[in-house]
């Protein structure tokens, strides 16, 4: 057993410089929320396409930031943020058959880690046993997705597969990062566009499905020693995840006891980490990183000084747009098909219905 107290953040020496969460001169605009996605209907006669990568340079990156896919994904992420508002992971919520299937799927992927142990031979970067795990996912993805979709949505399997297989790490690079997290989120977004996931499922998608997803990818990181993908080092928010900080801060808004500065207290983090994603992230960082908190996680240290979770939550959305959705090295791996189209919506904001 480790000494949790010794791993917790300590105040830096007087005069220690800390980095502001948003860099001076950085301007990030949060697009107006229109709930555009909710008015999209995908008919059963829809023709699906195999997604392929479209973001290759700064020019295509700018197209992405104006694309229909960008609008759909960002609004989905915001809707789930609203669904997480003041909700503990254990709070009762609607759990549909789809939600249960998604959790069961993640349980299965978790068991595969036990069935595919890490290789014992010394390996400098990542453990090559992860490639076996990814190969199994890629071999079984189509049947997994088929078991989740209703009969009239079975033609969507081929389009959905790359988002699921891209959501757990890269088998060649042996890494995992926020781009893989984005791919899994895109997969969930596509399920919603197909009405397989409904608005009634939103809270459970965060507190049941995504929380279980975090358990799985953290085990993958630890067991197979996955490298951070696109890490900014100490100047990044987190080596691997981003969304649990955004949705996790929504869970904590107006909490009567827990404040942003509560992450500095060992007993609070340990006690509440199973109920709140944000605190679980802090707990995980202390399990995998050594040294003073302000040195290895200066941005999270800075954020602990923000007075209210509402401000943290708004800042996290701006950071997500700036540090994930606007970053070529992250989004260049995201593929686009008919459900997440790369085309730019019409000027009036109403793109053609699929």
Protein backbone atom coordinates (compact mmCIF):
# COMPACT_ATOMS: atom_id res chain seq x y z
CA UNK A 1 0.00 0.00 0.00
CA UNK A 2 1.31 3.42 -0.84
CA UNK A 3 1.11 6.36 1.49
CA UNK A 4 -1.58 8.47 -0.16
CA UNK A 5 -0.67 11.54 1.84
CA UNK A 6 2.94 11.49 0.65
CA UNK A 7 1.79 11.44 -2.96
CA UNK A 8 -0.51 14.42 -2.67
CA UNK A 9 0.35 17.90 -3.95
CA UNK A 10 2.36 20.23 -1.77
CA UNK A 11 2.56 23.99 -1.95
CA UNK A 12 5.49 25.15 -4.08
CA UNK A 13 8.27 27.24 -2.59
CA UNK A 14 7.62 31.01 -2.53
CA UNK A 15 8.23 32.56 -5.92
CA UNK A 16 7.75 29.34 -7.89
CA UNK A 17 6.39 30.35 -11.32
CA UNK A 18 3.23 28.61 -12.47
CA UNK A 19 1.74 28.57 -15.93
CA UNK A 20 -1.64 30.09 -16.58
CA UNK A 21 -4.25 27.59 -17.83
CA UNK A 22 -4.86 29.74 -20.91
CA UNK A 23 -1.83 31.35 -22.50
CA UNK A 24 -1.79 35.13 -22.87
CA UNK A 25 -2.92 36.11 -26.33
CA UNK A 26 -4.81 32.87 -26.88
CA UNK A 27 -8.35 33.50 -28.07
CA UNK A 28 -10.76 30.58 -28.06
CA UNK A 29 -14.36 31.15 -29.03
CA UNK A 30 -16.99 28.66 -27.92
CA UNK A 31 -19.44 28.32 -30.84
CA UNK A 32 -23.07 29.14 -30.10
CA UNK A 33 -24.91 26.04 -28.92
CA UNK A 34 -27.89 25.34 -31.18
CA UNK A 35 -28.52 21.63 -30.43
CA UNK A 36 -28.27 21.18 -34.18
CA UNK A 37 -27.64 17.46 -33.71
CA UNK A 38 -31.05 16.86 -32.13
CA UNK A 39 -32.75 17.80 -35.41
CA UNK A 40 -30.77 15.41 -37.60
CA UNK A 41 -32.62 12.34 -38.80
CA UNK A 42 -30.75 9.38 -40.25
CA UNK A 43 -33.32 7.31 -42.22
CA UNK A 44 -33.14 3.54 -42.34
CA UNK A 45 -32.42 3.86 -46.07
CA UNK A 46 -29.30 5.92 -45.36
CA UNK A 47 -26.20 4.96 -47.34
CA UNK A 48 -23.21 4.61 -45.03
CA UNK A 49 -19.59 5.15 -46.02
CA UNK A 50 -16.33 3.85 -44.62
CA UNK A 51 -14.71 6.79 -42.77
CA UNK A 52 -11.31 8.00 -43.92
CA UNK A 53 -8.88 10.65 -42.72
CA UNK A 54 -9.20 14.13 -44.19
CA UNK A 55 -7.11 16.36 -41.92
CA UNK A 56 -3.57 16.46 -43.29
CA UNK A 57 -2.38 20.07 -42.96
CA UNK A 58 -3.34 23.52 -41.68
CA UNK A 59 -5.70 24.07 -44.61
CA UNK A 60 -7.74 20.94 -43.93
CA UNK A 61 -7.56 21.66 -40.21
CA UNK A 62 -9.38 24.95 -40.85
CA UNK A 63 -12.02 23.09 -42.86
CA UNK A 64 -12.47 20.67 -39.96
CA UNK A 65 -13.08 23.55 -37.55
CA UNK A 66 -16.00 24.70 -39.74
CA UNK A 67 -17.25 21.23 -40.64
CA UNK A 68 -20.51 19.49 -39.91
CA UNK A 69 -18.55 16.83 -38.01
CA UNK A 70 -17.04 19.47 -35.71
CA UNK A 71 -20.49 20.89 -34.91
CA UNK A 72 -21.98 17.49 -34.19
CA UNK A 73 -19.11 16.33 -32.01
CA UNK A 74 -18.72 19.52 -30.00
CA UNK A 75 -22.44 19.74 -29.31
CA UNK A 76 -22.53 16.09 -28.24
CA UNK A 77 -19.70 16.76 -25.80
CA UNK A 78 -21.56 19.80 -24.44
CA UNK A 79 -24.81 17.86 -24.09
CA UNK A 80 -23.04 15.19 -22.05
CA UNK A 81 -21.52 17.94 -19.92
CA UNK A 82 -25.02 19.18 -19.11
CA UNK A 83 -26.09 15.61 -18.33
CA UNK A 84 -23.24 15.26 -15.83
CA UNK A 85 -24.20 18.46 -13.96
CA UNK A 86 -24.22 17.77 -10.20
CA UNK A 87 -24.36 13.99 -10.76
CA UNK A 88 -22.27 11.53 -8.77
CA UNK A 89 -21.15 8.37 -10.54
CA UNK A 90 -23.40 6.31 -8.25
CA UNK A 91 -26.51 8.48 -8.60
CA UNK A 92 -29.54 6.66 -9.96
CA UNK A 93 -30.22 7.32 -13.63
CA UNK A 94 -31.97 5.70 -16.57
CA UNK A 95 -30.03 2.65 -17.75
CA UNK A 96 -31.36 1.41 -21.06
CA UNK A 97 -30.58 -1.90 -22.73
CA UNK A 98 -28.08 -0.05 -24.94
CA UNK A 99 -26.26 1.34 -21.90
CA UNK A 100 -26.09 -2.15 -20.38
CA UNK A 101 -24.71 -3.53 -23.66
CA UNK A 102 -22.04 -0.82 -23.75
CA UNK A 103 -20.96 -1.52 -20.16
CA UNK A 104 -20.93 -5.27 -20.89
CA UNK A 105 -18.75 -4.61 -23.94
CA UNK A 106 -16.26 -2.67 -21.82
CA UNK A 107 -16.28 -5.43 -19.22
CA UNK A 108 -15.34 -7.86 -21.98
CA UNK A 109 -12.48 -5.63 -23.17
CA UNK A 110 -11.28 -5.39 -19.59
CA UNK A 111 -11.20 -9.19 -19.27
CA UNK A 112 -9.08 -9.41 -22.41
CA UNK A 113 -6.32 -7.60 -20.51
CA UNK A 114 -6.23 -10.51 -18.05
CA UNK A 115 -6.21 -13.00 -20.93
CA UNK A 116 -3.36 -11.20 -22.73
CA UNK A 117 -0.66 -10.61 -20.10
CA UNK A 118 2.19 -8.22 -20.74
CA UNK A 119 5.35 -9.79 -22.14
CA UNK A 120 8.00 -10.28 -19.50
CA UNK A 121 10.95 -9.48 -21.76
CA UNK A 122 12.32 -5.96 -21.19
CA UNK A 123 10.85 -3.40 -23.59
CA UNK A 124 11.84 0.21 -23.74
CA UNK A 125 8.65 1.81 -25.12
CA UNK A 126 5.37 0.09 -24.43
CA UNK A 127 4.71 -3.63 -24.18
CA UNK A 128 4.18 -5.43 -27.46
CA UNK A 129 1.47 -7.62 -25.94
CA UNK A 130 -0.77 -4.58 -26.47
CA UNK A 131 -0.63 -5.31 -30.20
CA UNK A 132 -2.26 -8.67 -29.51
CA UNK A 133 -4.98 -6.89 -27.51
CA UNK A 134 -5.59 -4.38 -30.32
CA UNK A 135 -5.61 -7.18 -32.91
CA UNK A 136 -8.34 -8.92 -30.94
CA UNK A 137 -10.35 -5.70 -30.77
CA UNK A 138 -10.02 -5.15 -34.52
CA UNK A 139 -10.99 -8.76 -35.24
CA UNK A 140 -14.07 -8.60 -33.03
CA UNK A 141 -15.17 -4.96 -33.47
CA UNK A 142 -17.71 -5.63 -36.23
CA UNK A 143 -19.47 -8.37 -34.27
CA UNK A 144 -19.39 -6.27 -31.08
CA UNK A 145 -21.01 -3.31 -32.83
CA UNK A 146 -23.52 -5.56 -34.58
CA UNK A 147 -24.65 -6.90 -31.19
CA UNK A 148 -25.33 -3.35 -29.99
CA UNK A 149 -27.22 -2.09 -33.07
CA UNK A 150 -30.87 -2.91 -33.78
CA UNK A 151 -31.68 -4.78 -37.02
CA UNK A 152 -32.46 -1.66 -39.04
CA UNK A 153 -29.06 -0.12 -38.18
CA UNK A 154 -26.89 -3.11 -39.06
CA UNK A 155 -25.66 -1.48 -42.31
CA UNK A 156 -23.86 1.12 -40.12
CA UNK A 157 -21.39 -1.43 -38.71
CA UNK A 158 -18.67 -0.76 -41.27
CA UNK A 159 -18.82 3.00 -40.74
CA UNK A 160 -18.77 2.73 -36.94
CA UNK A 161 -15.90 0.26 -36.69
CA UNK A 162 -12.93 2.65 -37.12
CA UNK A 163 -14.18 4.89 -34.30
CA UNK A 164 -14.38 1.99 -31.85
CA UNK A 165 -11.05 0.44 -32.83
CA UNK A 166 -9.39 3.87 -32.66
CA UNK A 167 -10.64 4.53 -29.15
CA UNK A 168 -8.19 2.49 -27.09
CA UNK A 169 -4.71 3.28 -28.35
CA UNK A 170 -2.40 2.63 -31.31
CA UNK A 171 -1.07 -0.88 -31.73
CA UNK A 172 2.03 0.12 -33.68
CA UNK A 173 3.09 3.19 -31.71
CA UNK A 174 2.02 1.55 -28.43
CA UNK A 175 0.52 4.81 -27.22
CA UNK A 176 -2.75 6.30 -25.99
CA UNK A 177 -3.91 9.90 -25.71
CA UNK A 178 -6.73 12.41 -26.09
CA UNK A 179 -7.10 11.61 -29.79
CA UNK A 180 -8.09 8.05 -28.90
CA UNK A 181 -10.47 9.43 -26.28
CA UNK A 182 -11.96 11.61 -29.04
CA UNK A 183 -12.40 8.57 -31.31
CA UNK A 184 -14.37 6.70 -28.64
CA UNK A 185 -16.48 9.81 -28.03
CA UNK A 186 -17.11 10.07 -31.79
CA UNK A 187 -18.30 6.45 -31.71
CA UNK A 188 -20.80 7.30 -28.98
CA UNK A 189 -21.87 10.39 -30.93
CA UNK A 190 -22.55 8.24 -33.98
CA UNK A 191 -24.66 5.87 -31.87
CA UNK A 192 -26.72 8.86 -30.80
CA UNK A 193 -27.10 10.11 -34.37
CA UNK A 194 -28.52 6.67 -35.18
CA UNK A 195 -30.93 6.91 -32.22
CA UNK A 196 -29.31 3.85 -30.66
CA UNK A 197 -28.34 6.13 -27.77
CA UNK A 198 -31.17 8.48 -26.78
CA UNK A 199 -31.29 11.70 -24.72
CA UNK A 200 -32.55 9.63 -21.78
CA UNK A 201 -29.21 7.78 -21.87
CA UNK A 202 -27.00 10.86 -21.60
CA UNK A 203 -26.33 10.78 -17.87
CA UNK A 204 -25.62 7.04 -17.93
CA UNK A 205 -23.30 7.49 -20.93
CA UNK A 206 -21.13 9.68 -18.69
CA UNK A 207 -21.48 8.06 -15.26
CA UNK A 208 -21.71 4.43 -16.34
CA UNK A 209 -20.22 4.00 -19.82
CA UNK A 210 -17.48 6.64 -19.86
CA UNK A 211 -16.44 5.94 -16.28
CA UNK A 212 -16.03 2.26 -17.21
CA UNK A 213 -14.14 3.27 -20.35
CA UNK A 214 -11.69 5.20 -18.17
CA UNK A 215 -11.17 2.12 -16.01
CA UNK A 216 -10.32 0.07 -19.12
CA UNK A 217 -7.93 2.55 -20.75
CA UNK A 218 -6.14 3.19 -17.46
CA UNK A 219 -5.55 -0.54 -17.10
CA UNK A 220 -4.26 -0.63 -20.67
CA UNK A 221 -1.88 2.22 -19.85
CA UNK A 222 -0.56 0.52 -16.74
CA UNK A 223 -0.39 -3.12 -17.88
CA UNK A 224 1.07 -2.43 -21.33
CA UNK A 225 3.04 0.69 -20.31
CA UNK A 226 1.52 2.75 -23.13
CA UNK A 227 3.32 5.94 -24.06
CA UNK A 228 1.39 9.24 -23.94
CA UNK A 229 0.22 10.19 -27.44
CA UNK A 230 0.90 13.83 -28.26
CA UNK A 231 1.78 14.74 -24.69
CA UNK A 232 2.82 18.32 -23.88
CA UNK A 233 4.85 17.03 -20.94
CA UNK A 234 4.39 18.95 -17.72
CA UNK A 235 2.76 21.81 -19.63
CA UNK A 236 -0.23 19.72 -20.65
CA UNK A 237 -3.38 19.16 -18.65
CA UNK A 238 -2.99 15.37 -18.67
CA UNK A 239 -0.89 12.85 -20.59
CA UNK A 240 -3.85 10.73 -21.63
CA UNK A 241 -7.33 12.15 -20.91
CA UNK A 242 -9.18 15.41 -21.17
CA UNK A 243 -12.96 14.88 -21.09
CA UNK A 244 -13.16 13.57 -17.50
CA UNK A 245 -11.87 16.97 -16.38
CA UNK A 246 -14.57 18.77 -18.38
CA UNK A 247 -17.46 16.48 -17.48
CA UNK A 248 -15.96 15.86 -14.05
CA UNK A 249 -15.96 19.56 -13.19
CA UNK A 250 -19.66 19.67 -14.18
CA UNK A 251 -20.35 16.96 -11.62
CA UNK A 252 -18.88 19.20 -8.92
CA UNK A 253 -20.56 22.54 -9.72
CA UNK A 254 -22.01 24.08 -6.54
CA UNK A 255 -20.94 21.13 -4.41
CA UNK A 256 -21.47 22.15 -0.77
CA UNK A 257 -18.07 20.88 0.37
CA UNK A 258 -15.78 20.11 -2.56
CA UNK A 259 -14.02 23.10 -4.12
CA UNK A 260 -11.30 23.24 -6.78
CA UNK A 261 -8.73 23.57 -3.98
CA UNK A 262 -10.00 20.27 -2.52
CA UNK A 263 -7.73 18.42 -4.95
CA UNK A 264 -4.87 19.45 -2.65
CA UNK A 265 -6.21 17.34 0.23
CA UNK A 266 -5.30 13.65 0.29
CA UNK A 267 -8.21 12.42 2.37
CA UNK A 268 -10.79 14.20 0.21
CA UNK A 269 -9.36 12.95 -3.08
CA UNK A 270 -9.15 9.38 -1.81
CA UNK A 271 -12.65 9.44 -0.31
CA UNK A 272 -14.45 10.97 -3.29
CA UNK A 273 -12.47 9.64 -6.28
CA UNK A 274 -14.97 6.85 -6.97
CA UNK A 275 -17.83 9.34 -7.18
CA UNK A 276 -16.31 12.16 -9.19
CA UNK A 277 -14.27 11.81 -12.39
CA UNK A 278 -12.19 14.91 -11.77
CA UNK A 279 -10.94 13.60 -8.43
CA UNK A 280 -10.37 10.15 -9.94
CA UNK A 281 -8.09 11.81 -12.49
CA UNK A 282 -6.09 13.47 -9.72
CA UNK A 283 -5.88 10.19 -7.83
CA UNK A 284 -4.62 8.38 -10.93
CA UNK A 285 -1.96 11.02 -11.58
CA UNK A 286 -0.57 10.48 -8.09
CA UNK A 287 -0.44 6.74 -8.71
CA UNK A 288 1.65 7.08 -11.87
CA UNK A 289 3.73 10.22 -11.27
CA UNK A 290 6.24 11.04 -8.59
CA UNK A 291 7.44 14.33 -7.21
CA UNK A 292 5.75 17.59 -6.20
CA UNK A 293 2.37 18.12 -7.83
CA UNK A 294 3.14 21.69 -8.91
CA UNK A 295 6.17 20.38 -10.82
CA UNK A 296 4.67 17.46 -12.76
CA UNK A 297 1.14 18.93 -13.10
CA UNK A 298 1.51 22.74 -12.98
CA UNK A 299 -1.65 23.40 -14.98
CA UNK A 300 -3.83 21.31 -12.65
CA UNK A 301 -2.11 23.00 -9.73
CA UNK A 302 -3.03 26.41 -11.17
CA UNK A 303 -6.62 25.34 -11.73
CA UNK A 304 -6.93 24.30 -8.08
CA UNK A 305 -6.73 28.01 -7.29
CA UNK A 306 -9.86 28.87 -9.30
CA UNK A 307 -12.64 29.75 -6.84
CA UNK A 308 -15.62 27.95 -8.42
CA UNK A 309 -16.22 24.76 -10.42
CA UNK A 310 -18.45 26.67 -12.84
CA UNK A 311 -15.44 28.72 -13.94
CA UNK A 312 -13.29 25.59 -14.14
CA UNK A 313 -15.92 23.91 -16.31
CA UNK A 314 -16.11 26.80 -18.75
CA UNK A 315 -12.34 27.00 -18.89
CA UNK A 316 -12.09 23.26 -19.55
CA UNK A 317 -14.33 23.57 -22.61
CA UNK A 318 -12.14 26.36 -23.98
CA UNK A 319 -9.04 24.30 -23.29
CA UNK A 320 -10.55 21.23 -24.96
CA UNK A 321 -11.30 23.21 -28.09
CA UNK A 322 -7.82 24.76 -28.08
CA UNK A 323 -5.70 21.80 -26.97
CA UNK A 324 -7.54 18.90 -28.62
CA UNK A 325 -9.96 19.94 -31.37
CA UNK A 326 -7.65 22.66 -32.76
CA UNK A 327 -4.47 20.56 -32.65
CA UNK A 328 -3.37 18.95 -35.92
CA UNK A 329 -1.31 16.18 -34.25
CA UNK A 330 -4.44 15.10 -32.32
CA UNK A 331 -7.28 15.38 -34.83
CA UNK A 332 -5.34 14.26 -37.92
CA UNK A 333 -6.13 10.66 -37.00
CA UNK A 334 -9.91 11.18 -36.83
CA UNK A 335 -11.74 9.70 -39.85
CA UNK A 336 -14.88 11.12 -41.44
CA UNK A 337 -17.85 9.40 -43.06
CA UNK A 338 -21.54 10.06 -43.57
CA UNK A 339 -22.43 10.39 -39.88
CA UNK A 340 -19.60 12.81 -39.13
CA UNK A 341 -19.29 14.61 -42.49
CA UNK A 342 -16.23 16.65 -43.32
CA UNK A 343 -18.24 19.12 -45.42
CA UNK A 344 -19.00 22.62 -44.16
CA UNK A 345 -22.62 23.41 -43.20
CA UNK A 346 -24.58 25.94 -45.24
CA UNK A 347 -24.33 29.57 -44.13
CA UNK A 348 -27.79 29.48 -42.56
CA UNK A 349 -26.56 26.78 -40.17
CA UNK A 350 -28.86 24.09 -41.56
CA UNK A 351 -26.89 21.45 -43.39
CA UNK A 352 -28.74 18.96 -45.53
CA UNK A 353 -30.24 16.07 -43.61
CA UNK A 354 -28.60 12.71 -44.15
